[in-house]
Amino acid sequence: MDFALPADLVAYLAELDAFIAAEIRPLEEADDNIRFFDHRREWARTDFENGGLPRHEWEMLLREASLRADKAGHWRFSAPKKYGGKDGSNLWMAVIRDHFTRMGLGLHNDLQNEHSIIGNFPFVAMFEHFGTEDQQNEFILGGFERKRRVAFGLTEPLHGSDATHMETRAVRESRDGVPGWRIDGEKMWTTGMHVATHCATFARTSGNDGDARGITCFLVPNPCEGLVIEEYLWTFNMPTDHPRVSFSNVWVPESVVLGPVEGGLAIAQSFVHQNRIRQAASSLGAATYCVEEAVKYARTRKPFGQELARNQAIQFPLVELATQCEMLRALIFKTAWEMDQLPHKELEHKLSDKISMCNYYANRLVCEAADRAMQVHGGIGYSRHKPFEHIYRHHRRYRITEGAEEIQMRKVGAYLFGYLGPRKAQFAV
């Protein structure tokens, strides 16, 4: 059993570090772009007079960084080679995300906008598994060409974690002799609608509330008649690009249906595993960064004539956090490696519990680490002149958004007690 990272992966990390130093850091420091990362970051990023949306200058800076990364062959790393990627594995993506967030805030990787010079493309897998050839050409190739961007319309104002009770409805209806669907309803947290060309809108097309079947996914163009962005919800971590969207008598042709009619819920669940393990790795790296910064400060700060680090009240909480980081890193890397050994469709049935363990625990850990780093730093840690409040506010949402930690713990419990997963046969009566 060899726990060493592959030599080619270690070499690639060094290549990425060199690229960041040569291309990304200079861009970050040019023309006062550092305002997006220093104590001015929230104000610099947020257009408070325009619904709290991201400022255009901020989004253009992220775009320029990703364009440079794409030109260098890094941005599409996780995508299949046929789309210009490198077939990046789950293990490599986990190691890279951990590596990036351990560096702290920066243009190389700012997950407030899901931005990284190593992109994450869950929609590629979704269209590869469920899209028609025309849809794959339009949305995968168009996405990489930045001509298509898809928002995700699943959550509703009255229905969050339980998508089976969604109230958005779609019924068959022909207009001008063209068969199609009429959609009515409302969605929440449809991130990115201000720049999206389409919204993957999930609606019940048959069955009863609570049924897993009977939900269909529609690629609704944005804008279109009857689709209204009602408001952008201001969040703990601004800027916001998370609106509430209404659909009133929205009509779409048959061609916009993604995947099988009535089988849309499987589409919604198809890429959560890749997102969760990568998010876990990002939270782990950020937690490690907070611990390391607190250690450095405690060694240099000298109240009452001696290093702050001499106090066990400072040492022991950081020891606990450092221990948890090391244990979690082993679990995340092992789980990511196991994901690479399984076909995509088997993850839900064989490894979903381990992925959820990694995700909910990492997201909780980074919040604890950021809070402890603030405490160790004292007043300056509470200020925006240190990054800990930003790290806390950003990663706090992950305890809710990629499947609330309670939902993920319920998944782990179902596997542990044999209601789902490989142990189900063991407890069969």
Protein backbone atom coordinates (compact mmCIF):
# COMPACT_ATOMS: atom_id res chain seq x y z
CA MET A 1 0.00 0.00 0.00
CA ASP A 2 1.56 3.28 -1.16
CA PHE A 3 0.20 6.58 0.16
CA ALA A 4 2.62 8.75 -1.82
CA LEU A 5 1.13 11.07 -4.40
CA PRO A 6 1.95 9.99 -7.98
CA ALA A 7 5.16 11.60 -9.23
CA ASP A 8 3.41 13.07 -12.27
CA LEU A 9 0.78 14.66 -10.02
CA VAL A 10 3.49 16.24 -7.85
CA ALA A 11 5.17 17.52 -11.02
CA TYR A 12 1.87 18.99 -12.23
CA LEU A 13 1.38 20.84 -8.94
CA ALA A 14 4.81 22.41 -9.47
CA GLU A 15 3.81 23.34 -13.03
CA LEU A 16 0.64 24.99 -11.73
CA ASP A 17 2.60 26.89 -9.08
CA ALA A 18 4.94 28.20 -11.77
CA PHE A 19 1.99 29.25 -13.96
CA ILE A 20 0.36 31.07 -11.05
CA ALA A 21 3.60 32.90 -10.27
CA ALA A 22 4.18 33.87 -13.91
CA GLU A 23 0.63 34.68 -15.09
CA ILE A 24 -1.93 34.89 -12.29
CA ARG A 25 -0.15 36.71 -9.45
CA PRO A 26 0.96 39.57 -11.75
CA LEU A 27 -2.63 39.91 -13.00
CA GLU A 28 -3.91 39.91 -9.42
CA GLU A 29 -1.50 42.71 -8.48
CA ALA A 30 -1.99 44.85 -11.62
CA ASP A 31 -4.18 47.97 -11.78
CA ASP A 32 -5.24 47.72 -8.12
CA ASN A 33 -6.86 44.34 -8.78
CA ILE A 34 -5.71 43.47 -5.26
CA ARG A 35 -8.79 45.40 -4.06
CA PHE A 36 -10.80 42.28 -4.85
CA PHE A 37 -8.78 40.29 -2.30
CA ASP A 38 -7.71 42.68 0.46
CA HIS A 39 -9.91 44.34 3.12
CA ARG A 40 -11.94 46.07 0.36
CA ARG A 41 -12.93 42.78 -1.28
CA GLU A 42 -16.65 42.66 -0.50
CA TRP A 43 -17.22 46.27 -1.58
CA ALA A 44 -14.99 45.95 -4.66
CA ARG A 45 -16.79 42.82 -5.83
CA THR A 46 -20.36 43.92 -5.15
CA ASP A 47 -22.54 46.33 -7.11
CA PHE A 48 -24.78 47.24 -4.20
CA GLU A 49 -26.82 49.63 -6.35
CA ASN A 50 -27.59 46.91 -8.88
CA GLY A 51 -29.27 44.27 -6.77
CA GLY A 52 -26.02 43.24 -5.11
CA LEU A 53 -24.77 41.53 -8.28
CA PRO A 54 -21.07 40.99 -8.96
CA ARG A 55 -19.42 44.06 -10.44
CA HIS A 56 -18.58 43.78 -14.11
CA GLU A 57 -14.90 44.50 -13.43
CA TRP A 58 -14.72 41.60 -10.98
CA GLU A 59 -16.26 39.13 -13.39
CA MET A 60 -14.04 40.33 -16.22
CA LEU A 61 -10.97 39.74 -14.04
CA LEU A 62 -12.10 36.16 -13.34
CA ARG A 63 -12.72 35.69 -17.06
CA GLU A 64 -9.24 36.92 -17.96
CA ALA A 65 -7.66 34.55 -15.44
CA SER A 66 -9.57 31.57 -16.84
CA LEU A 67 -8.72 32.58 -20.41
CA ARG A 68 -5.02 32.61 -19.54
CA ALA A 69 -5.39 29.24 -17.82
CA ASP A 70 -7.21 27.83 -20.84
CA LYS A 71 -4.51 29.07 -23.18
CA ALA A 72 -1.90 27.37 -21.00
CA GLY A 73 -3.87 24.09 -21.07
CA HIS A 74 -5.01 24.08 -17.45
CA TRP A 75 -8.60 25.37 -17.28
CA ARG A 76 -10.21 22.32 -18.93
CA PHE A 77 -8.07 19.84 -16.98
CA SER A 78 -11.03 17.88 -15.58
CA ALA A 79 -12.86 17.70 -18.94
CA PRO A 80 -12.58 14.79 -21.40
CA LYS A 81 -9.72 15.03 -23.89
CA LYS A 82 -12.14 15.23 -26.82
CA TYR A 83 -13.22 18.64 -25.48
CA GLY A 84 -9.67 19.88 -25.00
CA GLY A 85 -9.28 18.63 -21.42
CA LYS A 86 -6.95 16.12 -19.80
CA ASP A 87 -9.42 13.59 -18.37
CA GLY A 88 -8.50 14.87 -14.91
CA SER A 89 -9.36 12.24 -12.31
CA ASN A 90 -11.21 12.75 -9.04
CA LEU A 91 -8.01 12.11 -7.09
CA TRP A 92 -6.03 14.69 -9.04
CA MET A 93 -8.85 17.23 -8.75
CA ALA A 94 -9.07 16.68 -4.98
CA VAL A 95 -5.32 17.12 -4.53
CA ILE A 96 -5.29 20.25 -6.70
CA ARG A 97 -8.24 21.85 -4.89
CA ASP A 98 -6.66 21.13 -1.51
CA HIS A 99 -3.36 22.55 -2.78
CA PHE A 100 -4.97 25.73 -4.11
CA THR A 101 -7.01 26.63 -1.03
CA ARG A 102 -4.04 26.01 1.26
CA MET A 103 -2.52 29.05 -0.50
CA GLY A 104 -5.22 31.34 0.86
CA LEU A 105 -7.28 33.91 -1.04
CA GLY A 106 -6.24 34.68 -4.59
CA LEU A 107 -7.15 34.91 -8.24
CA HIS A 108 -5.89 31.36 -8.78
CA ASN A 109 -8.91 29.94 -6.96
CA ASP A 110 -11.82 31.97 -5.61
CA LEU A 111 -14.76 29.72 -4.99
CA GLN A 112 -17.17 32.52 -4.15
CA ASN A 113 -17.86 32.48 -7.90
CA GLU A 114 -16.88 28.81 -8.32
CA HIS A 115 -13.82 30.21 -10.08
CA SER A 116 -10.53 28.37 -10.45
CA ILE A 117 -7.77 28.18 -13.02
CA ILE A 118 -8.60 24.46 -12.91
CA GLY A 119 -12.27 24.56 -13.84
CA ASN A 120 -15.05 22.35 -12.54
CA PHE A 121 -17.56 21.35 -15.21
CA PRO A 122 -20.43 19.26 -13.79
CA PHE A 123 -22.62 20.07 -16.79
CA VAL A 124 -20.18 18.27 -19.10
CA ALA A 125 -20.92 14.96 -17.40
CA MET A 126 -24.62 15.78 -17.30
CA PHE A 127 -24.84 16.42 -21.04
CA GLU A 128 -22.59 13.47 -21.88
CA HIS A 129 -24.82 11.07 -19.97
CA PHE A 130 -28.24 12.55 -20.75
CA GLY A 131 -27.99 14.96 -23.70
CA THR A 132 -28.69 14.37 -27.37
CA GLU A 133 -25.85 14.81 -29.84
CA ASP A 134 -27.19 18.25 -30.75
CA GLN A 135 -27.39 19.24 -27.10
CA GLN A 136 -23.85 18.00 -26.47
CA ASN A 137 -22.54 20.07 -29.36
CA GLU A 138 -24.47 23.13 -28.29
CA PHE A 139 -23.87 23.08 -24.55
CA ILE A 140 -20.54 21.32 -24.04
CA LEU A 141 -18.66 22.85 -26.94
CA GLY A 142 -20.65 26.07 -26.62
CA GLY A 143 -19.88 26.19 -22.93
CA PHE A 144 -16.14 25.98 -23.48
CA GLU A 145 -16.47 28.63 -26.18
CA ARG A 146 -18.36 30.75 -23.60
CA LYS A 147 -21.41 30.95 -25.84
CA ARG A 148 -23.59 28.86 -23.53
CA ARG A 149 -23.98 28.96 -19.76
CA VAL A 150 -26.58 26.93 -17.90
CA ALA A 151 -28.09 27.83 -14.54
CA PHE A 152 -29.62 25.12 -12.35
CA GLY A 153 -33.30 25.47 -11.45
CA LEU A 154 -34.14 22.74 -8.93
CA THR A 155 -34.75 24.31 -5.51
CA GLU A 156 -38.03 26.11 -4.84
CA PRO A 157 -39.13 28.67 -2.23
CA LEU A 158 -41.16 26.09 -0.30
CA HIS A 159 -39.10 23.00 -1.17
CA GLY A 160 -35.36 22.87 -0.62
CA SER A 161 -33.78 19.51 0.14
CA ASP A 162 -36.91 17.57 -0.89
CA ALA A 163 -37.12 18.06 -4.64
CA THR A 164 -39.82 15.40 -4.99
CA HIS A 165 -42.45 17.82 -3.68
CA MET A 166 -41.66 20.61 -6.15
CA GLU A 167 -44.63 22.69 -7.23
CA THR A 168 -43.34 23.77 -10.65
CA ARG A 169 -45.47 22.02 -13.26
CA ALA A 170 -45.07 21.36 -16.97
CA VAL A 171 -47.87 20.12 -19.21
CA ARG A 172 -47.80 19.16 -22.86
CA GLU A 173 -49.07 21.90 -25.12
CA SER A 174 -48.71 22.55 -28.85
CA ARG A 175 -48.45 26.07 -30.21
CA ASP A 176 -48.67 26.94 -33.89
CA GLY A 177 -48.63 23.22 -34.61
CA VAL A 178 -45.35 22.68 -32.74
CA PRO A 179 -45.45 20.16 -29.87
CA GLY A 180 -43.99 21.40 -26.63
CA TRP A 181 -44.54 22.13 -22.95
CA ARG A 182 -46.00 24.93 -20.84
CA ILE A 183 -44.13 25.57 -17.59
CA ASP A 184 -45.48 27.38 -14.53
CA GLY A 185 -43.80 27.72 -11.16
CA GLU A 186 -41.00 29.32 -9.20
CA LYS A 187 -37.36 28.51 -8.43
CA MET A 188 -34.85 29.73 -5.83
CA TRP A 189 -31.05 29.96 -5.78
CA THR A 190 -30.77 29.69 -9.57
CA THR A 191 -27.14 30.80 -9.44
CA GLY A 192 -25.73 32.70 -12.38
CA MET A 193 -28.99 33.68 -14.07
CA HIS A 194 -27.68 37.20 -14.71
CA VAL A 195 -25.27 35.73 -17.30
CA ALA A 196 -26.93 32.37 -18.09
CA THR A 197 -28.16 31.64 -21.60
CA HIS A 198 -30.37 28.80 -20.32
CA CYS A 199 -31.84 27.49 -17.10
CA ALA A 200 -32.02 23.73 -16.54
CA THR A 201 -35.52 23.86 -15.09
CA PHE A 202 -36.94 20.84 -13.28
CA ALA A 203 -40.72 20.47 -13.25
CA ARG A 204 -43.21 17.77 -12.39
CA THR A 205 -44.77 16.35 -15.53
CA SER A 206 -46.61 13.35 -14.01
CA GLY A 207 -47.10 11.45 -10.79
CA ASN A 208 -47.80 12.66 -7.27
CA ASP A 209 -45.94 14.85 -4.82
CA GLY A 210 -43.23 12.77 -3.21
CA ASP A 211 -42.70 10.51 -6.22
CA ALA A 212 -39.13 10.29 -7.47
CA ARG A 213 -40.36 9.68 -11.01
CA GLY A 214 -42.42 12.18 -12.91
CA ILE A 215 -39.93 15.07 -12.88
CA THR A 216 -38.49 16.32 -16.18
CA CYS A 217 -35.59 18.66 -16.98
CA PHE A 218 -36.09 21.46 -19.53
CA LEU A 219 -33.36 23.69 -20.99
CA VAL A 220 -35.31 26.94 -20.87
CA PRO A 221 -33.73 29.84 -22.82
CA ASN A 222 -32.91 32.98 -20.87
CA PRO A 223 -34.47 35.39 -21.55
CA CYS A 224 -37.82 34.13 -22.79
CA GLU A 225 -41.41 35.27 -22.48
CA GLY A 226 -42.84 34.45 -19.05
CA LEU A 227 -39.46 33.94 -17.32
CA VAL A 228 -38.90 36.69 -14.75
CA ILE A 229 -35.95 37.19 -12.42
CA GLU A 230 -37.92 38.44 -9.42
CA GLU A 231 -35.09 39.36 -7.05
CA TYR A 232 -31.49 38.60 -6.16
CA LEU A 233 -31.25 37.26 -2.64
CA TRP A 234 -28.61 39.03 -0.56
CA THR A 235 -26.48 36.52 1.26
CA PHE A 236 -24.01 36.14 4.12
CA ASN A 237 -21.22 36.35 1.55
CA MET A 238 -21.73 39.08 -1.06
CA PRO A 239 -21.93 39.67 -3.99
CA THR A 240 -24.98 37.66 -4.91
CA ASP A 241 -25.91 35.96 -8.16
CA HIS A 242 -28.62 33.81 -6.58
CA PRO A 243 -32.09 34.89 -7.76
CA ARG A 244 -35.66 33.82 -7.28
CA VAL A 245 -37.12 33.15 -10.73
CA SER A 246 -40.75 32.77 -11.76
CA PHE A 247 -42.13 30.89 -14.77
CA SER A 248 -45.57 32.02 -15.94
CA ASN A 249 -46.97 30.41 -19.07
CA VAL A 250 -43.46 29.73 -20.35
CA TRP A 251 -43.62 27.63 -23.51
CA VAL A 252 -40.74 25.53 -24.85
CA PRO A 253 -40.55 23.00 -27.71
CA GLU A 254 -39.91 19.28 -27.24
CA SER A 255 -36.29 19.69 -28.30
CA VAL A 256 -35.32 21.41 -25.01
CA VAL A 257 -36.08 18.33 -22.88
CA LEU A 258 -32.85 17.01 -21.38
CA GLY A 259 -32.76 13.28 -20.77
CA PRO A 260 -35.81 11.06 -20.43
CA VAL A 261 -39.21 12.56 -19.74
CA GLU A 262 -40.12 11.82 -16.09
CA GLY A 263 -36.51 10.82 -15.33
CA GLY A 264 -35.16 14.26 -14.46
CA LEU A 265 -34.39 13.65 -10.81
CA ALA A 266 -31.62 11.24 -11.80
CA ILE A 267 -30.09 14.07 -13.82
CA ALA A 268 -30.12 16.38 -10.80
CA GLN A 269 -28.36 13.71 -8.74
CA SER A 270 -25.91 12.64 -11.44
CA PHE A 271 -23.05 14.99 -10.68
CA VAL A 272 -23.35 15.69 -6.95
CA HIS A 273 -20.63 13.18 -6.12
CA GLN A 274 -17.92 14.91 -8.15
CA ASN A 275 -18.98 18.28 -6.77
CA ARG A 276 -19.03 17.06 -3.19
CA ILE A 277 -15.56 15.49 -3.17
CA ARG A 278 -14.02 18.54 -4.83
CA GLN A 279 -15.82 20.88 -2.47
CA ALA A 280 -14.62 18.78 0.48
CA ALA A 281 -11.03 19.10 -0.73
CA SER A 282 -11.41 22.87 -1.06
CA SER A 283 -12.81 23.17 2.46
CA LEU A 284 -10.01 20.98 3.79
CA GLY A 285 -7.33 23.15 2.18
CA ALA A 286 -8.92 26.32 3.55
CA ALA A 287 -9.11 24.77 7.02
CA THR A 288 -5.43 23.87 6.84
CA TYR A 289 -4.60 27.43 5.77
CA CYS A 290 -6.46 28.83 8.80
CA VAL A 291 -4.63 26.51 11.17
CA GLU A 292 -1.23 27.33 9.69
CA GLU A 293 -1.85 31.08 9.81
CA ALA A 294 -2.95 30.82 13.44
CA VAL A 295 0.22 28.85 14.29
CA LYS A 296 2.45 31.46 12.63
CA TYR A 297 0.73 34.30 14.45
CA ALA A 298 0.91 32.52 17.79
CA ARG A 299 4.65 32.04 17.40
CA THR A 300 5.31 35.73 16.66
CA ARG A 301 2.78 37.45 18.96
CA LYS A 302 4.26 38.03 22.43
CA PRO A 303 1.76 39.26 25.01
CA PHE A 304 3.03 39.42 28.59
CA GLY A 305 6.56 38.87 27.34
CA GLN A 306 6.30 35.41 25.78
CA GLU A 307 4.99 33.76 22.65
CA LEU A 308 1.24 33.32 22.54
CA ALA A 309 1.93 29.76 21.39
CA ARG A 310 3.32 28.87 24.84
CA ASN A 311 -0.22 28.73 26.18
CA GLN A 312 -1.98 25.38 26.09
CA ALA A 313 -5.26 27.24 25.58
CA ILE A 314 -3.84 28.28 22.22
CA GLN A 315 -2.07 25.02 21.41
CA PHE A 316 -4.71 22.42 22.17
CA PRO A 317 -7.57 23.70 19.96
CA LEU A 318 -5.14 24.01 17.04
CA VAL A 319 -3.77 20.54 17.75
CA GLU A 320 -7.30 19.15 17.52
CA LEU A 321 -7.93 20.95 14.24
CA ALA A 322 -4.57 19.91 12.75
CA THR A 323 -5.29 16.29 13.69
CA GLN A 324 -8.70 16.42 12.06
CA CYS A 325 -7.21 17.94 8.91
CA GLU A 326 -4.68 15.12 8.61
CA MET A 327 -7.28 12.40 9.13
CA LEU A 328 -9.73 14.01 6.74
CA ARG A 329 -7.08 14.45 4.04
CA ALA A 330 -6.44 10.71 4.10
CA LEU A 331 -10.17 9.96 3.80
CA ILE A 332 -10.74 12.47 0.98
CA PHE A 333 -7.82 11.26 -1.11
CA LYS A 334 -8.75 7.61 -0.53
CA THR A 335 -12.39 8.24 -1.43
CA ALA A 336 -11.46 10.23 -4.54
CA TRP A 337 -9.17 7.38 -5.62
CA GLU A 338 -11.99 4.86 -5.06
CA MET A 339 -14.32 7.03 -7.15
CA ASP A 340 -11.87 6.71 -10.03
CA GLN A 341 -12.09 2.90 -9.82
CA LEU A 342 -15.88 2.83 -10.28
CA PRO A 343 -18.16 3.57 -13.23
CA HIS A 344 -19.97 6.88 -12.76
CA LYS A 345 -23.40 5.28 -12.29
CA GLU A 346 -22.17 3.00 -9.49
CA LEU A 347 -21.05 5.80 -7.19
CA GLU A 348 -24.54 6.36 -5.79
CA HIS A 349 -24.88 2.71 -4.79
CA LYS A 350 -21.38 1.88 -3.57
CA LEU A 351 -19.55 4.99 -2.39
CA SER A 352 -22.09 7.75 -1.79
CA ASP A 353 -21.80 7.50 2.00
CA LYS A 354 -18.02 8.01 2.03
CA ILE A 355 -18.35 11.02 -0.30
CA SER A 356 -20.96 12.51 2.03
CA MET A 357 -18.70 11.86 5.04
CA CYS A 358 -15.91 13.82 3.37
CA ASN A 359 -18.19 16.66 2.36
CA TYR A 360 -20.16 17.41 5.50
CA TYR A 361 -17.17 16.97 7.79
CA ALA A 362 -14.84 19.16 5.71
CA ASN A 363 -17.40 21.94 5.41
CA ARG A 364 -17.94 21.92 9.16
CA LEU A 365 -14.21 21.73 9.87
CA VAL A 366 -13.29 24.80 7.82
CA CYS A 367 -15.85 26.88 9.70
CA GLU A 368 -14.36 25.73 13.02
CA ALA A 369 -10.82 26.43 11.78
CA ALA A 370 -11.70 29.93 10.53
CA ASP A 371 -13.41 30.73 13.81
CA ARG A 372 -10.39 29.51 15.80
CA ALA A 373 -8.01 31.51 13.61
CA MET A 374 -10.05 34.63 14.35
CA GLN A 375 -9.86 33.90 18.07
CA VAL A 376 -6.10 33.34 18.04
CA HIS A 377 -5.54 36.54 16.09
CA GLY A 378 -7.78 38.54 18.41
CA GLY A 379 -9.12 41.86 17.17
CA ILE A 380 -7.20 41.85 13.90
CA GLY A 381 -8.58 38.36 13.18
CA TYR A 382 -12.10 39.72 13.43
CA SER A 383 -11.29 42.49 10.95
CA ARG A 384 -11.45 42.28 7.19
CA HIS A 385 -7.72 42.90 7.07
CA LYS A 386 -7.37 39.16 7.67
CA PRO A 387 -9.06 36.60 5.39
CA PHE A 388 -10.74 34.48 8.07
CA GLU A 389 -14.12 36.20 8.07
CA HIS A 390 -14.27 35.81 4.30
CA ILE A 391 -13.31 32.15 4.47
CA TYR A 392 -15.92 31.54 7.15
CA ARG A 393 -18.70 33.36 5.29
CA HIS A 394 -17.93 31.61 2.03
CA HIS A 395 -17.53 28.06 3.28
CA ARG A 396 -20.46 28.35 5.69
CA ARG A 397 -22.83 28.12 2.73
CA TYR A 398 -21.40 24.73 1.76
CA ARG A 399 -22.98 23.27 4.89
CA ILE A 400 -26.28 23.92 3.11
CA THR A 401 -25.89 24.19 -0.65
CA GLU A 402 -24.39 20.96 -1.98
CA GLY A 403 -26.88 18.93 0.03
CA ALA A 404 -27.33 20.16 3.61
CA GLU A 405 -25.10 18.36 6.09
CA GLU A 406 -28.21 16.85 7.71
CA ILE A 407 -29.21 15.33 4.35
CA GLN A 408 -25.72 13.95 3.89
CA MET A 409 -25.61 12.54 7.42
CA ARG A 410 -28.94 10.88 6.70
CA LYS A 411 -27.33 9.29 3.64
CA VAL A 412 -24.43 8.04 5.76
CA GLY A 413 -26.90 6.69 8.32
CA ALA A 414 -28.87 4.85 5.65
CA TYR A 415 -25.66 3.14 4.49
CA LEU A 416 -24.42 2.47 8.01
CA PHE A 417 -27.66 0.81 9.13
CA GLY A 418 -28.19 -1.05 5.86
CA TYR A 419 -31.24 0.74 4.52
CA LEU A 420 -29.20 1.60 1.41
CA GLY A 421 -25.90 0.59 -0.11
CA PRO A 422 -23.73 -2.54 0.12
CA ARG A 423 -24.85 -3.41 3.70
CA LYS A 424 -28.51 -3.67 2.73
CA ALA A 425 -28.26 -7.41 2.08
CA GLN A 426 -26.58 -7.91 5.46
CA PHE A 427 -29.63 -6.58 7.31
CA ALA A 428 -32.27 -8.12 5.04
CA VAL A 429 -34.90 -9.97 7.03
